[in-house]
Amino acid sequence: MEGFKEWFDEQNYSAHAIVNLYNHNPDKKIKEIAQITGKSVGEIYRILHNFNVTPNRQKTNHHNVINFANSGYNIKQIADFTGYTERNVRYILANERKNG
């Protein structure tokens, strides 16, 4: 049965399978999906866009940055909470002030 396991691990994920993997695993990052499927991160994004699926997890995280800032947390704390760099947090907040 080792042959089957090797084949299964190396199976070629279809575009539909990738979209389903993305939609049904909200905790998985694009990079993790790329590793699972053997596709590049760029290819995962292209597939999602071809199916009119916008990777909106980033928007959710941006919203979290804004909520933390509005709650009085400092840049370093927000970076620690969200996994962004402090520079990224400043960028998100500056864009929010400019567009908000």
C-alpha atoms as a PDB file:
ATOM      1  CA  MET A   1       0.000   0.000   0.000  1.00  0.00           C
ATOM      2  CA  GLU A   2       2.977   2.327   0.119  1.00  0.00           C
ATOM      3  CA  GLY A   3       2.535   3.002  -3.566  1.00  0.00           C
ATOM      4  CA  PHE A   4      -0.998   4.249  -2.980  1.00  0.00           C
ATOM      5  CA  LYS A   5       0.093   6.562  -0.150  1.00  0.00           C
ATOM      6  CA  GLU A   6       2.875   8.005  -2.279  1.00  0.00           C
ATOM      7  CA  TRP A   7       0.430   8.549  -5.143  1.00  0.00           C
ATOM      8  CA  PHE A   8      -2.133  10.109  -2.802  1.00  0.00           C
ATOM      9  CA  ASP A   9       0.410  12.495  -1.264  1.00  0.00           C
ATOM     10  CA  GLU A  10       1.591  13.562  -4.690  1.00  0.00           C
ATOM     11  CA  GLN A  11      -1.809  13.799  -6.341  1.00  0.00           C
ATOM     12  CA  ASN A  12      -2.397  16.706  -8.634  1.00  0.00           C
ATOM     13  CA  TYR A  13      -4.958  18.991  -7.024  1.00  0.00           C
ATOM     14  CA  SER A  14      -7.552  20.350  -9.431  1.00  0.00           C
ATOM     15  CA  ALA A  15      -8.543  23.996  -9.373  1.00  0.00           C
ATOM     16  CA  HIS A  16     -11.890  22.994  -7.861  1.00  0.00           C
ATOM     17  CA  ALA A  17     -10.144  21.035  -5.104  1.00  0.00           C
ATOM     18  CA  ILE A  18      -7.940  24.037  -4.302  1.00  0.00           C
ATOM     19  CA  VAL A  19     -10.924  26.384  -4.110  1.00  0.00           C
ATOM     20  CA  ASN A  20     -12.729  23.908  -1.852  1.00  0.00           C
ATOM     21  CA  LEU A  21      -9.652  23.554   0.324  1.00  0.00           C
ATOM     22  CA  TYR A  22      -9.501  27.332   0.683  1.00  0.00           C
ATOM     23  CA  ASN A  23     -13.228  27.788   1.338  1.00  0.00           C
ATOM     24  CA  HIS A  24     -13.570  24.954   3.848  1.00  0.00           C
ATOM     25  CA  ASN A  25     -10.413  25.605   5.856  1.00  0.00           C
ATOM     26  CA  PRO A  26     -10.569  29.197   7.102  1.00  0.00           C
ATOM     27  CA  ASP A  27      -7.565  28.662   9.377  1.00  0.00           C
ATOM     28  CA  LYS A  28      -5.289  27.648   6.496  1.00  0.00           C
ATOM     29  CA  LYS A  29      -3.112  30.330   4.994  1.00  0.00           C
ATOM     30  CA  ILE A  30      -2.470  30.588   1.262  1.00  0.00           C
ATOM     31  CA  LYS A  31       1.132  29.544   1.877  1.00  0.00           C
ATOM     32  CA  GLU A  32      -0.028  26.383   3.687  1.00  0.00           C
ATOM     33  CA  ILE A  33      -2.417  25.533   0.856  1.00  0.00           C
ATOM     34  CA  ALA A  34       0.448  26.002  -1.595  1.00  0.00           C
ATOM     35  CA  GLN A  35       2.587  23.576   0.404  1.00  0.00           C
ATOM     36  CA  ILE A  36      -0.208  20.998   0.631  1.00  0.00           C
ATOM     37  CA  THR A  37      -0.994  21.133  -3.079  1.00  0.00           C
ATOM     38  CA  GLY A  38       2.529  21.557  -4.406  1.00  0.00           C
ATOM     39  CA  LYS A  39       1.502  24.754  -6.211  1.00  0.00           C
ATOM     40  CA  SER A  40       3.120  28.167  -5.893  1.00  0.00           C
ATOM     41  CA  VAL A  41       1.493  30.904  -3.834  1.00  0.00           C
ATOM     42  CA  GLY A  42       0.970  32.918  -7.019  1.00  0.00           C
ATOM     43  CA  GLU A  43      -0.742  29.966  -8.672  1.00  0.00           C
ATOM     44  CA  ILE A  44      -3.096  29.579  -5.707  1.00  0.00           C
ATOM     45  CA  TYR A  45      -4.042  33.262  -5.971  1.00  0.00           C
ATOM     46  CA  ARG A  46      -4.615  32.930  -9.740  1.00  0.00           C
ATOM     47  CA  ILE A  47      -6.861  29.909  -9.230  1.00  0.00           C
ATOM     48  CA  LEU A  48      -8.894  31.674  -6.547  1.00  0.00           C
ATOM     49  CA  HIS A  49      -9.273  34.770  -8.727  1.00  0.00           C
ATOM     50  CA  ASN A  50     -10.307  32.631 -11.715  1.00  0.00           C
ATOM     51  CA  PHE A  51     -13.170  31.296  -9.587  1.00  0.00           C
ATOM     52  CA  ASN A  52     -14.068  34.814  -8.415  1.00  0.00           C
ATOM     53  CA  VAL A  53     -12.954  33.952  -4.894  1.00  0.00           C
ATOM     54  CA  THR A  54     -11.204  36.889  -3.333  1.00  0.00           C
ATOM     55  CA  PRO A  55      -8.790  35.951  -0.601  1.00  0.00           C
ATOM     56  CA  ASN A  56     -10.460  38.131   2.009  1.00  0.00           C
ATOM     57  CA  ARG A  57      -8.619  36.861   5.040  1.00  0.00           C
ATOM     58  CA  GLN A  58      -6.289  39.799   4.664  1.00  0.00           C
ATOM     59  CA  LYS A  59      -9.246  42.190   4.910  1.00  0.00           C
ATOM     60  CA  THR A  60     -10.327  40.484   8.113  1.00  0.00           C
ATOM     61  CA  ASN A  61      -6.871  40.900   9.575  1.00  0.00           C
ATOM     62  CA  HIS A  62      -6.793  44.542   8.466  1.00  0.00           C
ATOM     63  CA  HIS A  63     -10.105  45.022  10.226  1.00  0.00           C
ATOM     64  CA  ASN A  64      -8.583  43.459  13.356  1.00  0.00           C
ATOM     65  CA  VAL A  65      -5.647  45.900  13.183  1.00  0.00           C
ATOM     66  CA  ILE A  66      -8.064  48.820  13.077  1.00  0.00           C
ATOM     67  CA  ASN A  67     -10.168  47.410  15.928  1.00  0.00           C
ATOM     68  CA  PHE A  68      -7.106  46.897  18.120  1.00  0.00           C
ATOM     69  CA  ALA A  69      -5.904  50.433  17.386  1.00  0.00           C
ATOM     70  CA  ASN A  70      -9.335  51.846  18.222  1.00  0.00           C
ATOM     71  CA  SER A  71      -9.221  49.906  21.494  1.00  0.00           C
ATOM     72  CA  GLY A  72      -6.012  51.647  22.503  1.00  0.00           C
ATOM     73  CA  TYR A  73      -3.402  48.984  21.769  1.00  0.00           C
ATOM     74  CA  ASN A  74      -0.004  50.210  20.587  1.00  0.00           C
ATOM     75  CA  ILE A  75       1.687  49.259  17.310  1.00  0.00           C
ATOM     76  CA  LYS A  76       3.886  46.563  18.858  1.00  0.00           C
ATOM     77  CA  GLN A  77       0.943  44.904  20.624  1.00  0.00           C
ATOM     78  CA  ILE A  78      -1.128  44.942  17.430  1.00  0.00           C
ATOM     79  CA  ALA A  79       1.774  43.427  15.488  1.00  0.00           C
ATOM     80  CA  ASP A  80       2.088  40.667  18.087  1.00  0.00           C
ATOM     81  CA  PHE A  81      -1.655  39.938  17.991  1.00  0.00           C
ATOM     82  CA  THR A  82      -2.007  39.857  14.209  1.00  0.00           C
ATOM     83  CA  GLY A  83       1.333  38.461  13.080  1.00  0.00           C
ATOM     84  CA  TYR A  84       2.050  41.554  10.989  1.00  0.00           C
ATOM     85  CA  THR A  85       5.268  43.501  11.275  1.00  0.00           C
ATOM     86  CA  GLU A  86       5.105  46.845  13.078  1.00  0.00           C
ATOM     87  CA  ARG A  87       5.776  48.514   9.728  1.00  0.00           C
ATOM     88  CA  ASN A  88       2.784  46.707   8.185  1.00  0.00           C
ATOM     89  CA  VAL A  89       0.553  47.788  11.067  1.00  0.00           C
ATOM     90  CA  ARG A  90       1.579  51.428  10.583  1.00  0.00           C
ATOM     91  CA  TYR A  91       0.882  51.100   6.845  1.00  0.00           C
ATOM     92  CA  ILE A  92      -2.603  49.632   7.429  1.00  0.00           C
ATOM     93  CA  LEU A  93      -3.474  52.344   9.935  1.00  0.00           C
ATOM     94  CA  ALA A  94      -2.166  55.102   7.656  1.00  0.00           C
ATOM     95  CA  ASN A  95      -4.271  53.756   4.781  1.00  0.00           C
ATOM     96  CA  GLU A  96      -7.326  53.621   7.035  1.00  0.00           C
ATOM     97  CA  ARG A  97      -6.858  57.257   8.058  1.00  0.00           C
ATOM     98  CA  LYS A  98      -6.339  58.283   4.445  1.00  0.00           C
ATOM     99  CA  ASN A  99      -9.313  56.307   3.069  1.00  0.00           C
ATOM    100  CA  GLY A 100     -11.516  56.229   6.144  1.00  0.00           C
END
